[in-house]
Amino acid sequence: MIILKNFTTIKQNISLLSNNTNLIVVTKNQDVSKIEPLINLNHNHFGENRVQEATLKWTSILKKHSAIKLHLIGKLQSNKVKDAFRLFHYIHTLDNEKLAQLFAKFESESQKKINYFIQINIGNEIQKNGISIDKSSLFIKYCIQDLKLNIVGLMCIPPLEGDPNIYFKSLAKIARSNNLSQLSMGMSNDYECAIQNGSTFVRVGSKIFNEV
């Protein structure tokens, strides 16, 4: 099965570069039948972009496989926070005060705690989500100190044009200056570069599921 071959190749590539990087298999738009072989290999980190699709796909799977950690890696609307809080273990796209306040509210009413990555608009692109670099430290402190959220690290999507190394190094610097140890950066086309710059979570989908 080509999916298993692709998965194994990427896992091997990651292990050659780092022993501290987790592979998030991005399963958006993928049928459960394509995901199950990876679950059967005891892979635990999976990522989804949309809350509604993830709920339909993963609710029953999570009941059977308690070790799985589900990551939300897509833009989150405030009206989906409650559903996201119920389903996900990691949120990678925390990018405004309203979302942070809503998650803090749900955590105050529950024993569940989520791991959060704050998304930084590392390329200062108008069309992209994320906290601006100049406001990043204040937002990080607000989430940790005022809202008591478990902010584990930072996430970014670098611009399509240009050298991604520049943006990955920039994100790593912001993380260090705020005493954050985790970095969610790198996708199918640049995950190796991201690992070389300290990424601890890479988000790979197309290089696993493309059967061409």
N, C-alpha and C. Protein backbone atom coordinates (compact mmCIF):
# COMPACT_ATOMS: atom_id res chain seq x y z
N MET A 1 0.85 -1.20 0.00
CA MET A 1 0.00 0.00 0.00
C MET A 1 0.88 1.24 0.00
N ILE A 2 0.67 2.12 -0.97
CA ILE A 2 1.56 3.26 -1.15
C ILE A 2 1.53 4.21 0.04
N ILE A 3 0.40 4.31 0.72
CA ILE A 3 0.30 5.20 1.89
C ILE A 3 1.26 4.75 2.97
N LEU A 4 1.30 3.47 3.24
CA LEU A 4 2.21 2.94 4.26
C LEU A 4 3.67 3.14 3.86
N LYS A 5 3.95 2.98 2.58
CA LYS A 5 5.32 3.19 2.09
C LYS A 5 5.72 4.65 2.27
N ASN A 6 4.84 5.57 1.90
CA ASN A 6 5.13 6.99 2.05
C ASN A 6 5.33 7.36 3.52
N PHE A 7 4.44 6.84 4.37
CA PHE A 7 4.52 7.10 5.81
C PHE A 7 5.85 6.63 6.38
N THR A 8 6.23 5.41 6.01
CA THR A 8 7.48 4.85 6.53
C THR A 8 8.69 5.66 6.07
N THR A 9 8.67 6.09 4.82
CA THR A 9 9.78 6.90 4.30
C THR A 9 9.91 8.21 5.06
N ILE A 10 8.79 8.87 5.31
CA ILE A 10 8.82 10.15 6.03
C ILE A 10 9.27 9.94 7.47
N LYS A 11 8.79 8.90 8.13
CA LYS A 11 9.22 8.59 9.49
C LYS A 11 10.74 8.36 9.54
N GLN A 12 11.26 7.67 8.55
CA GLN A 12 12.70 7.42 8.49
C GLN A 12 13.47 8.72 8.27
N ASN A 13 12.95 9.57 7.38
CA ASN A 13 13.60 10.86 7.13
C ASN A 13 13.65 11.69 8.41
N ILE A 14 12.55 11.70 9.14
CA ILE A 14 12.48 12.47 10.39
C ILE A 14 13.50 11.93 11.40
N SER A 15 13.55 10.60 11.53
CA SER A 15 14.45 10.02 12.53
C SER A 15 15.91 10.27 12.21
N LEU A 16 16.24 10.42 10.93
CA LEU A 16 17.62 10.73 10.55
C LEU A 16 18.00 12.16 10.93
N LEU A 17 17.01 13.04 10.98
CA LEU A 17 17.26 14.45 11.26
C LEU A 17 17.11 14.80 12.74
N SER A 18 16.26 14.07 13.44
CA SER A 18 15.96 14.44 14.83
C SER A 18 15.33 13.28 15.58
N ASN A 19 15.60 13.21 16.88
CA ASN A 19 14.88 12.26 17.72
C ASN A 19 13.89 12.98 18.63
N ASN A 20 13.63 14.24 18.28
CA ASN A 20 12.76 15.08 19.11
C ASN A 20 11.63 15.70 18.30
N THR A 21 11.28 15.09 17.16
CA THR A 21 10.25 15.65 16.29
C THR A 21 9.11 14.66 16.10
N ASN A 22 7.90 15.12 16.35
CA ASN A 22 6.70 14.30 16.19
C ASN A 22 6.07 14.55 14.81
N LEU A 23 5.63 13.48 14.20
CA LEU A 23 4.94 13.57 12.92
C LEU A 23 3.44 13.62 13.16
N ILE A 24 2.82 14.73 12.74
CA ILE A 24 1.36 14.84 12.72
C ILE A 24 0.91 14.47 11.32
N VAL A 25 0.20 13.36 11.19
CA VAL A 25 -0.35 12.95 9.90
C VAL A 25 -1.63 13.74 9.67
N VAL A 26 -1.63 14.57 8.64
CA VAL A 26 -2.77 15.43 8.35
C VAL A 26 -3.78 14.65 7.52
N THR A 27 -4.96 14.47 8.09
CA THR A 27 -5.95 13.56 7.49
C THR A 27 -7.18 14.27 6.93
N LYS A 28 -7.09 15.57 6.71
CA LYS A 28 -8.25 16.28 6.14
C LYS A 28 -8.58 15.69 4.77
N ASN A 29 -9.88 15.54 4.54
CA ASN A 29 -10.40 15.00 3.28
C ASN A 29 -10.04 13.54 3.03
N GLN A 30 -9.49 12.86 4.03
CA GLN A 30 -9.12 11.46 3.85
C GLN A 30 -10.16 10.55 4.49
N ASP A 31 -10.47 9.47 3.78
CA ASP A 31 -11.43 8.49 4.29
C ASP A 31 -10.80 7.68 5.42
N VAL A 32 -11.64 7.26 6.34
CA VAL A 32 -11.17 6.47 7.48
C VAL A 32 -10.42 5.23 7.02
N SER A 33 -10.81 4.65 5.92
CA SER A 33 -10.16 3.43 5.42
C SER A 33 -8.68 3.65 5.10
N LYS A 34 -8.32 4.89 4.78
CA LYS A 34 -6.92 5.22 4.51
C LYS A 34 -6.15 5.55 5.78
N ILE A 35 -6.87 5.90 6.82
CA ILE A 35 -6.23 6.28 8.08
C ILE A 35 -5.99 5.07 8.97
N GLU A 36 -6.89 4.11 8.91
CA GLU A 36 -6.83 2.95 9.81
C GLU A 36 -5.51 2.18 9.75
N PRO A 37 -4.91 2.00 8.55
CA PRO A 37 -3.62 1.28 8.54
C PRO A 37 -2.54 1.99 9.36
N LEU A 38 -2.59 3.31 9.43
CA LEU A 38 -1.61 4.06 10.22
C LEU A 38 -1.91 3.93 11.71
N ILE A 39 -3.19 3.91 12.04
CA ILE A 39 -3.58 3.68 13.45
C ILE A 39 -3.12 2.30 13.88
N ASN A 40 -3.25 1.32 12.98
CA ASN A 40 -2.85 -0.05 13.31
C ASN A 40 -1.34 -0.19 13.48
N LEU A 41 -0.59 0.78 12.99
CA LEU A 41 0.86 0.81 13.21
C LEU A 41 1.20 1.53 14.52
N ASN A 42 0.15 1.88 15.26
CA ASN A 42 0.29 2.58 16.55
C ASN A 42 0.80 4.01 16.41
N HIS A 43 0.52 4.62 15.25
CA HIS A 43 0.81 6.05 15.14
C HIS A 43 -0.29 6.81 15.87
N ASN A 44 0.11 7.84 16.63
CA ASN A 44 -0.85 8.48 17.53
C ASN A 44 -1.19 9.92 17.22
N HIS A 45 -0.37 10.63 16.45
CA HIS A 45 -0.61 12.05 16.21
C HIS A 45 -1.24 12.27 14.84
N PHE A 46 -2.47 12.81 14.85
CA PHE A 46 -3.19 13.09 13.61
C PHE A 46 -3.72 14.52 13.64
N GLY A 47 -3.81 15.15 12.47
CA GLY A 47 -4.24 16.54 12.39
C GLY A 47 -5.41 16.73 11.45
N GLU A 48 -6.31 17.62 11.83
CA GLU A 48 -7.46 17.97 11.00
C GLU A 48 -7.58 19.49 10.91
N ASN A 49 -8.16 19.95 9.80
CA ASN A 49 -8.31 21.40 9.57
C ASN A 49 -9.66 21.94 9.98
N ARG A 50 -10.68 21.09 9.93
CA ARG A 50 -12.04 21.56 10.19
C ARG A 50 -12.69 20.76 11.30
N VAL A 51 -13.32 21.47 12.21
CA VAL A 51 -13.91 20.83 13.39
C VAL A 51 -15.03 19.88 13.01
N GLN A 52 -15.91 20.30 12.10
CA GLN A 52 -17.07 19.47 11.75
C GLN A 52 -16.64 18.16 11.11
N GLU A 53 -15.72 18.23 10.16
CA GLU A 53 -15.22 17.01 9.52
C GLU A 53 -14.54 16.11 10.54
N ALA A 54 -13.75 16.71 11.41
CA ALA A 54 -13.03 15.93 12.42
C ALA A 54 -13.99 15.22 13.38
N THR A 55 -15.06 15.91 13.75
CA THR A 55 -16.03 15.33 14.67
C THR A 55 -16.68 14.09 14.07
N LEU A 56 -17.09 14.19 12.81
CA LEU A 56 -17.72 13.07 12.14
C LEU A 56 -16.76 11.89 11.99
N LYS A 57 -15.50 12.19 11.74
CA LYS A 57 -14.52 11.16 11.42
C LYS A 57 -13.91 10.50 12.67
N TRP A 58 -13.64 11.31 13.68
CA TRP A 58 -12.79 10.84 14.77
C TRP A 58 -13.51 10.48 16.07
N THR A 59 -14.74 10.89 16.24
CA THR A 59 -15.42 10.64 17.52
C THR A 59 -15.42 9.15 17.89
N SER A 60 -15.80 8.31 16.96
CA SER A 60 -15.85 6.87 17.26
C SER A 60 -14.45 6.28 17.35
N ILE A 61 -13.52 6.79 16.54
CA ILE A 61 -12.15 6.27 16.57
C ILE A 61 -11.50 6.53 17.92
N LEU A 62 -11.69 7.73 18.45
CA LEU A 62 -11.08 8.09 19.73
C LEU A 62 -11.61 7.25 20.88
N LYS A 63 -12.83 6.80 20.76
CA LYS A 63 -13.40 5.93 21.81
C LYS A 63 -12.70 4.57 21.84
N LYS A 64 -12.20 4.14 20.68
CA LYS A 64 -11.54 2.84 20.58
C LYS A 64 -10.03 2.94 20.82
N HIS A 65 -9.46 4.11 20.54
CA HIS A 65 -8.00 4.28 20.60
C HIS A 65 -7.67 5.48 21.49
N SER A 66 -7.54 5.23 22.76
CA SER A 66 -7.36 6.33 23.72
C SER A 66 -5.99 6.99 23.64
N ALA A 67 -5.02 6.32 23.00
CA ALA A 67 -3.67 6.89 22.91
C ALA A 67 -3.55 7.95 21.82
N ILE A 68 -4.52 8.02 20.92
CA ILE A 68 -4.44 8.97 19.82
C ILE A 68 -4.56 10.40 20.34
N LYS A 69 -3.71 11.27 19.78
CA LYS A 69 -3.76 12.70 20.07
C LYS A 69 -4.18 13.43 18.79
N LEU A 70 -5.31 14.14 18.88
CA LEU A 70 -5.85 14.83 17.71
C LEU A 70 -5.50 16.31 17.77
N HIS A 71 -4.97 16.82 16.67
CA HIS A 71 -4.48 18.19 16.58
C HIS A 71 -5.35 18.99 15.62
N LEU A 72 -5.83 20.14 16.06
CA LEU A 72 -6.51 21.07 15.15
C LEU A 72 -5.46 22.01 14.57
N ILE A 73 -5.31 21.95 13.24
CA ILE A 73 -4.26 22.74 12.60
C ILE A 73 -4.83 23.78 11.64
N GLY A 74 -6.16 23.87 11.56
CA GLY A 74 -6.79 24.84 10.68
C GLY A 74 -7.38 26.00 11.45
N LYS A 75 -7.77 27.03 10.73
CA LYS A 75 -8.37 28.22 11.32
C LYS A 75 -9.63 27.84 12.11
N LEU A 76 -9.76 28.40 13.29
CA LEU A 76 -10.88 28.09 14.16
C LEU A 76 -11.78 29.30 14.33
N GLN A 77 -13.08 29.12 14.05
CA GLN A 77 -14.06 30.16 14.29
C GLN A 77 -14.57 30.05 15.73
N SER A 78 -14.93 31.17 16.30
CA SER A 78 -15.31 31.20 17.71
C SER A 78 -16.55 30.33 17.99
N ASN A 79 -17.45 30.20 17.00
CA ASN A 79 -18.65 29.38 17.23
C ASN A 79 -18.37 27.87 17.19
N LYS A 80 -17.12 27.49 16.90
CA LYS A 80 -16.74 26.08 16.88
C LYS A 80 -15.85 25.72 18.07
N VAL A 81 -15.59 26.68 18.95
CA VAL A 81 -14.66 26.43 20.05
C VAL A 81 -15.15 25.32 20.97
N LYS A 82 -16.43 25.32 21.29
CA LYS A 82 -16.97 24.31 22.20
C LYS A 82 -16.76 22.91 21.65
N ASP A 83 -17.06 22.73 20.37
CA ASP A 83 -16.88 21.42 19.75
C ASP A 83 -15.40 21.05 19.67
N ALA A 84 -14.57 22.03 19.36
CA ALA A 84 -13.12 21.79 19.29
C ALA A 84 -12.57 21.38 20.65
N PHE A 85 -13.05 22.04 21.69
CA PHE A 85 -12.59 21.74 23.04
C PHE A 85 -12.93 20.30 23.42
N ARG A 86 -14.08 19.84 23.02
CA ARG A 86 -14.50 18.47 23.35
C ARG A 86 -13.63 17.43 22.64
N LEU A 87 -13.23 17.71 21.40
CA LEU A 87 -12.63 16.68 20.55
C LEU A 87 -11.11 16.66 20.56
N PHE A 88 -10.49 17.83 20.53
CA PHE A 88 -9.05 17.90 20.27
C PHE A 88 -8.22 17.89 21.54
N HIS A 89 -6.98 17.42 21.37
CA HIS A 89 -6.00 17.43 22.45
C HIS A 89 -5.01 18.58 22.30
N TYR A 90 -4.79 19.00 21.06
CA TYR A 90 -3.89 20.11 20.76
C TYR A 90 -4.60 21.09 19.82
N ILE A 91 -4.43 22.37 20.08
CA ILE A 91 -4.89 23.43 19.18
C ILE A 91 -3.65 24.17 18.70
N HIS A 92 -3.45 24.21 17.38
CA HIS A 92 -2.25 24.83 16.83
C HIS A 92 -2.49 26.25 16.32
N THR A 93 -3.74 26.70 16.34
CA THR A 93 -4.07 27.96 15.66
C THR A 93 -4.73 28.97 16.59
N LEU A 94 -4.25 29.04 17.82
CA LEU A 94 -4.74 30.06 18.74
C LEU A 94 -4.16 31.40 18.29
N ASP A 95 -5.02 32.33 17.88
CA ASP A 95 -4.48 33.54 17.25
C ASP A 95 -5.22 34.83 17.60
N ASN A 96 -6.07 34.80 18.63
CA ASN A 96 -6.70 36.06 19.05
C ASN A 96 -7.25 35.90 20.47
N GLU A 97 -7.51 37.05 21.10
CA GLU A 97 -7.94 37.05 22.49
C GLU A 97 -9.30 36.38 22.69
N LYS A 98 -10.21 36.57 21.75
CA LYS A 98 -11.54 35.98 21.90
C LYS A 98 -11.47 34.47 22.00
N LEU A 99 -10.69 33.85 21.10
CA LEU A 99 -10.54 32.40 21.14
C LEU A 99 -9.91 31.96 22.47
N ALA A 100 -8.89 32.68 22.88
CA ALA A 100 -8.19 32.33 24.12
C ALA A 100 -9.14 32.42 25.31
N GLN A 101 -9.94 33.45 25.34
CA GLN A 101 -10.89 33.63 26.45
C GLN A 101 -11.94 32.53 26.46
N LEU A 102 -12.40 32.12 25.28
CA LEU A 102 -13.40 31.06 25.21
C LEU A 102 -12.82 29.73 25.70
N PHE A 103 -11.61 29.41 25.28
CA PHE A 103 -10.99 28.18 25.75
C PHE A 103 -10.78 28.22 27.26
N ALA A 104 -10.38 29.37 27.77
CA ALA A 104 -10.20 29.51 29.22
C ALA A 104 -11.51 29.28 29.96
N LYS A 105 -12.61 29.76 29.38
CA LYS A 105 -13.92 29.57 29.98
C LYS A 105 -14.29 28.08 30.04
N PHE A 106 -14.10 27.38 28.92
CA PHE A 106 -14.44 25.96 28.89
C PHE A 106 -13.54 25.16 29.82
N GLU A 107 -12.28 25.55 29.92
CA GLU A 107 -11.39 24.83 30.83
C GLU A 107 -11.80 25.06 32.28
N SER A 108 -12.30 26.24 32.58
CA SER A 108 -12.71 26.53 33.96
C SER A 108 -13.93 25.70 34.38
N GLU A 109 -14.67 25.22 33.38
CA GLU A 109 -15.87 24.44 33.64
C GLU A 109 -15.64 22.93 33.46
N SER A 110 -14.39 22.55 33.26
CA SER A 110 -14.08 21.15 32.95
C SER A 110 -12.76 20.76 33.59
N GLN A 111 -12.53 19.47 33.71
CA GLN A 111 -11.24 18.97 34.17
C GLN A 111 -10.26 18.80 33.02
N LYS A 112 -10.75 18.95 31.80
CA LYS A 112 -9.90 18.77 30.63
C LYS A 112 -9.00 19.97 30.41
N LYS A 113 -7.75 19.71 30.07
CA LYS A 113 -6.80 20.76 29.71
C LYS A 113 -6.23 20.43 28.33
N ILE A 114 -6.12 21.46 27.51
CA ILE A 114 -5.62 21.28 26.14
C ILE A 114 -4.22 21.87 26.05
N ASN A 115 -3.43 21.34 25.13
CA ASN A 115 -2.13 21.94 24.80
C ASN A 115 -2.32 22.90 23.63
N TYR A 116 -1.80 24.11 23.78
CA TYR A 116 -2.01 25.14 22.76
C TYR A 116 -0.71 25.60 22.12
N PHE A 117 -0.77 25.79 20.81
CA PHE A 117 0.26 26.52 20.07
C PHE A 117 -0.34 27.86 19.65
N ILE A 118 0.40 28.91 19.83
CA ILE A 118 -0.03 30.22 19.34
C ILE A 118 0.49 30.39 17.92
N GLN A 119 -0.41 30.70 17.00
CA GLN A 119 -0.01 30.89 15.61
C GLN A 119 0.53 32.30 15.42
N ILE A 120 1.73 32.38 14.88
CA ILE A 120 2.38 33.66 14.60
C ILE A 120 2.36 33.92 13.10
N ASN A 121 1.97 35.12 12.71
CA ASN A 121 2.00 35.52 11.29
C ASN A 121 3.44 35.91 10.97
N ILE A 122 4.25 34.88 10.76
CA ILE A 122 5.70 35.06 10.71
C ILE A 122 6.17 35.84 9.49
N GLY A 123 5.37 35.84 8.43
CA GLY A 123 5.75 36.59 7.23
C GLY A 123 5.04 37.92 7.10
N ASN A 124 4.28 38.28 8.15
CA ASN A 124 3.52 39.54 8.15
C ASN A 124 2.67 39.67 6.88
N GLU A 125 1.94 38.59 6.57
CA GLU A 125 1.12 38.54 5.37
C GLU A 125 -0.33 38.91 5.69
N ILE A 126 -0.86 39.83 4.93
CA ILE A 126 -2.22 40.33 5.19
C ILE A 126 -3.25 39.21 5.11
N GLN A 127 -3.05 38.28 4.18
CA GLN A 127 -4.06 37.24 3.94
C GLN A 127 -3.97 36.08 4.92
N LYS A 128 -2.98 36.08 5.79
CA LYS A 128 -2.82 34.94 6.70
C LYS A 128 -3.20 35.30 8.12
N ASN A 129 -3.63 34.25 8.85
CA ASN A 129 -3.97 34.42 10.25
C ASN A 129 -2.72 34.39 11.10
N GLY A 130 -2.90 34.77 12.35
CA GLY A 130 -1.79 34.71 13.29
C GLY A 130 -1.53 36.03 13.99
N ILE A 131 -0.92 35.94 15.16
CA ILE A 131 -0.52 37.12 15.92
C ILE A 131 0.70 37.74 15.25
N SER A 132 0.72 39.05 15.15
CA SER A 132 1.88 39.72 14.56
C SER A 132 3.09 39.53 15.46
N ILE A 133 4.26 39.56 14.88
CA ILE A 133 5.49 39.33 15.64
C ILE A 133 5.63 40.35 16.77
N ASP A 134 5.31 41.61 16.49
CA ASP A 134 5.51 42.64 17.51
C ASP A 134 4.54 42.52 18.69
N LYS A 135 3.45 41.79 18.51
CA LYS A 135 2.49 41.60 19.61
C LYS A 135 2.58 40.21 20.23
N SER A 136 3.50 39.41 19.74
CA SER A 136 3.54 38.00 20.14
C SER A 136 3.86 37.81 21.62
N SER A 137 4.84 38.52 22.14
CA SER A 137 5.23 38.32 23.54
C SER A 137 4.12 38.71 24.50
N LEU A 138 3.44 39.80 24.21
CA LEU A 138 2.35 40.24 25.08
C LEU A 138 1.20 39.23 25.07
N PHE A 139 0.91 38.70 23.88
CA PHE A 139 -0.19 37.73 23.77
C PHE A 139 0.17 36.42 24.49
N ILE A 140 1.40 35.99 24.33
CA ILE A 140 1.85 34.77 25.01
C ILE A 140 1.71 34.93 26.53
N LYS A 141 2.17 36.04 27.05
CA LYS A 141 2.08 36.29 28.49
C LYS A 141 0.63 36.37 28.95
N TYR A 142 -0.22 36.99 28.15
CA TYR A 142 -1.64 37.09 28.49
C TYR A 142 -2.27 35.70 28.61
N CYS A 143 -1.98 34.84 27.64
CA CYS A 143 -2.57 33.50 27.64
C CYS A 143 -2.06 32.66 28.82
N ILE A 144 -0.78 32.79 29.12
CA ILE A 144 -0.19 31.97 30.18
C ILE A 144 -0.52 32.53 31.56
N GLN A 145 -0.28 33.81 31.75
CA GLN A 145 -0.38 34.39 33.09
C GLN A 145 -1.82 34.75 33.47
N ASP A 146 -2.55 35.35 32.55
CA ASP A 146 -3.90 35.80 32.87
C ASP A 146 -4.95 34.69 32.69
N LEU A 147 -4.84 33.93 31.60
CA LEU A 147 -5.85 32.93 31.31
C LEU A 147 -5.46 31.53 31.79
N LYS A 148 -4.20 31.35 32.17
CA LYS A 148 -3.73 30.06 32.69
C LYS A 148 -3.85 28.93 31.67
N LEU A 149 -3.70 29.26 30.40
CA LEU A 149 -3.73 28.24 29.36
C LEU A 149 -2.36 27.57 29.25
N ASN A 150 -2.36 26.31 28.88
CA ASN A 150 -1.11 25.57 28.73
C ASN A 150 -0.53 25.82 27.34
N ILE A 151 0.15 26.94 27.20
CA ILE A 151 0.78 27.29 25.93
C ILE A 151 2.10 26.53 25.85
N VAL A 152 2.16 25.56 24.94
CA VAL A 152 3.36 24.73 24.85
C VAL A 152 4.35 25.24 23.81
N GLY A 153 3.88 26.04 22.85
CA GLY A 153 4.79 26.50 21.81
C GLY A 153 4.14 27.40 20.80
N LEU A 154 4.84 27.56 19.68
CA LEU A 154 4.39 28.46 18.61
C LEU A 154 4.26 27.69 17.30
N MET A 155 3.38 28.19 16.45
CA MET A 155 3.13 27.58 15.14
C MET A 155 3.22 28.65 14.07
N CYS A 156 3.66 28.28 12.86
CA CYS A 156 3.65 29.23 11.75
C CYS A 156 3.48 28.49 10.43
N ILE A 157 3.05 29.25 9.44
CA ILE A 157 3.03 28.82 8.04
C ILE A 157 3.81 29.87 7.27
N PRO A 158 5.02 29.57 6.82
CA PRO A 158 5.83 30.59 6.15
C PRO A 158 5.27 30.97 4.79
N PRO A 159 5.65 32.13 4.26
CA PRO A 159 5.22 32.52 2.92
C PRO A 159 5.65 31.50 1.88
N LEU A 160 4.85 31.37 0.82
CA LEU A 160 5.18 30.42 -0.25
C LEU A 160 6.47 30.81 -0.95
N GLU A 161 6.69 32.10 -1.09
CA GLU A 161 7.90 32.58 -1.76
C GLU A 161 9.00 32.83 -0.74
N GLY A 162 10.23 32.60 -1.16
CA GLY A 162 11.36 32.90 -0.30
C GLY A 162 11.86 31.67 0.44
N ASP A 163 12.94 31.86 1.17
CA ASP A 163 13.62 30.80 1.91
C ASP A 163 12.91 30.54 3.24
N PRO A 164 12.32 29.36 3.43
CA PRO A 164 11.61 29.10 4.69
C PRO A 164 12.52 29.13 5.91
N ASN A 165 13.82 28.89 5.71
CA ASN A 165 14.75 28.91 6.83
C ASN A 165 14.67 30.22 7.61
N ILE A 166 14.50 31.32 6.89
CA ILE A 166 14.45 32.63 7.52
C ILE A 166 13.29 32.69 8.51
N TYR A 167 12.15 32.19 8.09
CA TYR A 167 10.94 32.27 8.92
C TYR A 167 10.97 31.26 10.06
N PHE A 168 11.50 30.07 9.79
CA PHE A 168 11.62 29.07 10.85
C PHE A 168 12.58 29.55 11.94
N LYS A 169 13.69 30.15 11.53
CA LYS A 169 14.64 30.67 12.51
C LYS A 169 14.00 31.79 13.33
N SER A 170 13.21 32.61 12.68
CA SER A 170 12.54 33.71 13.37
C SER A 170 11.56 33.20 14.41
N LEU A 171 10.79 32.16 14.05
CA LEU A 171 9.84 31.59 15.01
C LEU A 171 10.57 30.97 16.20
N ALA A 172 11.64 30.27 15.91
CA ALA A 172 12.42 29.64 16.99
C ALA A 172 12.97 30.70 17.95
N LYS A 173 13.38 31.82 17.42
CA LYS A 173 13.90 32.90 18.26
C LYS A 173 12.81 33.46 19.17
N ILE A 174 11.61 33.67 18.62
CA ILE A 174 10.49 34.17 19.44
C ILE A 174 10.16 33.17 20.54
N ALA A 175 10.17 31.89 20.20
CA ALA A 175 9.87 30.85 21.19
C ALA A 175 10.90 30.87 22.32
N ARG A 176 12.16 30.94 21.97
CA ARG A 176 13.21 30.95 23.00
C ARG A 176 13.08 32.15 23.92
N SER A 177 12.76 33.29 23.33
CA SER A 177 12.67 34.51 24.14
C SER A 177 11.48 34.48 25.09
N ASN A 178 10.54 33.59 24.83
CA ASN A 178 9.37 33.46 25.70
C ASN A 178 9.35 32.13 26.46
N ASN A 179 10.49 31.46 26.49
CA ASN A 179 10.65 30.21 27.24
C ASN A 179 9.68 29.12 26.81
N LEU A 180 9.44 29.03 25.51
CA LEU A 180 8.58 27.99 24.96
C LEU A 180 9.45 26.97 24.22
N SER A 181 9.20 25.69 24.46
CA SER A 181 10.10 24.65 23.95
C SER A 181 9.60 23.96 22.68
N GLN A 182 8.31 24.14 22.34
CA GLN A 182 7.74 23.40 21.22
C GLN A 182 7.52 24.30 20.00
N LEU A 183 7.78 23.74 18.83
CA LEU A 183 7.58 24.47 17.57
C LEU A 183 6.80 23.60 16.60
N SER A 184 5.65 24.10 16.15
CA SER A 184 4.85 23.42 15.14
C SER A 184 5.10 24.12 13.81
N MET A 185 6.02 23.56 13.05
CA MET A 185 6.35 24.19 11.76
C MET A 185 6.90 23.12 10.82
N GLY A 186 6.56 23.31 9.55
CA GLY A 186 6.97 22.37 8.53
C GLY A 186 5.81 21.52 8.06
N MET A 187 5.62 21.50 6.72
CA MET A 187 4.58 20.69 6.10
C MET A 187 5.23 19.82 5.03
N SER A 188 4.42 19.25 4.14
CA SER A 188 4.95 18.28 3.19
C SER A 188 6.15 18.77 2.40
N ASN A 189 6.12 20.03 2.01
CA ASN A 189 7.18 20.54 1.13
C ASN A 189 8.40 21.08 1.86
N ASP A 190 8.29 21.30 3.18
CA ASP A 190 9.43 21.91 3.87
C ASP A 190 9.68 21.32 5.26
N TYR A 191 9.16 20.13 5.51
CA TYR A 191 9.29 19.59 6.87
C TYR A 191 10.74 19.30 7.25
N GLU A 192 11.56 18.89 6.28
CA GLU A 192 12.97 18.61 6.59
C GLU A 192 13.71 19.89 6.98
N CYS A 193 13.44 20.95 6.28
CA CYS A 193 14.01 22.26 6.60
C CYS A 193 13.55 22.70 7.99
N ALA A 194 12.28 22.49 8.29
CA ALA A 194 11.75 22.88 9.59
C ALA A 194 12.42 22.11 10.72
N ILE A 195 12.63 20.82 10.53
CA ILE A 195 13.29 20.01 11.56
C ILE A 195 14.71 20.51 11.81
N GLN A 196 15.40 20.87 10.76
CA GLN A 196 16.76 21.39 10.91
C GLN A 196 16.79 22.70 11.69
N ASN A 197 15.64 23.35 11.77
CA ASN A 197 15.54 24.60 12.54
C ASN A 197 14.83 24.41 13.88
N GLY A 198 14.68 23.15 14.30
CA GLY A 198 14.20 22.87 15.64
C GLY A 198 12.74 22.51 15.79
N SER A 199 12.04 22.24 14.69
CA SER A 199 10.63 21.89 14.80
C SER A 199 10.43 20.62 15.61
N THR A 200 9.46 20.65 16.52
CA THR A 200 9.15 19.46 17.32
C THR A 200 7.86 18.78 16.85
N PHE A 201 7.10 19.46 16.00
CA PHE A 201 5.90 18.88 15.38
C PHE A 201 5.86 19.30 13.91
N VAL A 202 5.87 18.34 13.01
CA VAL A 202 5.69 18.65 11.59
C VAL A 202 4.33 18.11 11.15
N ARG A 203 3.70 18.83 10.21
CA ARG A 203 2.33 18.53 9.80
C ARG A 203 2.35 18.08 8.33
N VAL A 204 2.25 16.78 8.12
CA VAL A 204 2.44 16.23 6.77
C VAL A 204 1.20 15.45 6.34
N GLY A 205 0.65 15.80 5.20
CA GLY A 205 -0.51 15.12 4.67
C GLY A 205 -0.32 14.63 3.25
N SER A 206 -0.10 15.55 2.33
CA SER A 206 -0.09 15.19 0.91
C SER A 206 1.03 14.22 0.56
N LYS A 207 2.17 14.32 1.20
CA LYS A 207 3.27 13.42 0.89
C LYS A 207 3.03 12.01 1.40
N ILE A 208 2.03 11.86 2.25
CA ILE A 208 1.66 10.53 2.72
C ILE A 208 0.52 9.95 1.88
N PHE A 209 -0.49 10.76 1.62
CA PHE A 209 -1.72 10.24 1.00
C PHE A 209 -1.76 10.36 -0.52
N ASN A 210 -0.88 11.15 -1.11
CA ASN A 210 -0.84 11.21 -2.57
C ASN A 210 -0.34 9.89 -3.12
N GLU A 211 -1.10 9.29 -3.96
CA GLU A 211 -0.77 7.95 -4.46
C GLU A 211 -0.22 7.99 -5.88
N VAL A 212 0.25 9.16 -6.27
CA VAL A 212 0.79 9.30 -7.62
C VAL A 212 2.27 8.87 -7.62
